[in-house]
Amino acid sequence: MRFALAVLVALSVASLAHAQASAKVNAPQSCAWSSSEIPNIQPSPQRVIVAPAVAATALIHRIEPQYPADASLEGTMVLCAIIAKDGTIESLAYVSGPALLIKAVFDAVKGWQYKPTLVDGKPVEVETKIFVDLKRPAKGKQSGSETDTAATTK
C-alpha cells in the first residue's frame, strides 16, 4: 500500500515538473509592443445595461395591456427586456408579477417603441427592466389603448 502511494506521488511530481517545463518552453519571450505595433482597437459595446428609469425616458410609444375581463389581480409586472438598435422590443423575459397576466402584458409591451440609444453616435442594444403597473380598469373604461407616454417605473 505504501509502495503504491509512493509511486503515485512520484508520478504526480514528474507530471507537474513536465507541465512546468512545457509551459516555460511555450511561454512568449515578451509581451511588450512598440508603439507602432499596438493595434488601434476602439471597443464598441453591442449592448448596454440601462436603469429602468432611464430607459423609460426613451419610451415614445406605449400600448396598455388588455386586462382580461375575468381577471381580478392587480400588481406590478417586472420584465427583463432587450431593446433592439432601432428601439423595438427584441426579447422579453418574465421576472415577477401576477403570472395570470403575462400574456396580456407581453402582447402589449412587444409593441412598445423606444428612441434608439446611441453610444459614440452609433445605436446599441439596451438591456433593462420594465415595470408595468396593472390595475383593473374602471367599469366602462376600456384597456388596451395606445399612448405616447413614458413607461411606469419604480
Foldseek 3Di string as FASTA:
>chain_A
DVVVVVVVVVVVVVVVVVVVVVCVVPPDPDPDDDPVPDDPDDDDDQEDEDEQVVQLVQWFKFWWFFDDPPDQDWFKWKWKFKQAQQFATPDIDGDDDDPVCVVRVVVGNNPIGGHFDDDPRGGHIYIYMAIAGGDDDDPPDGGGHMDGHGGDDD
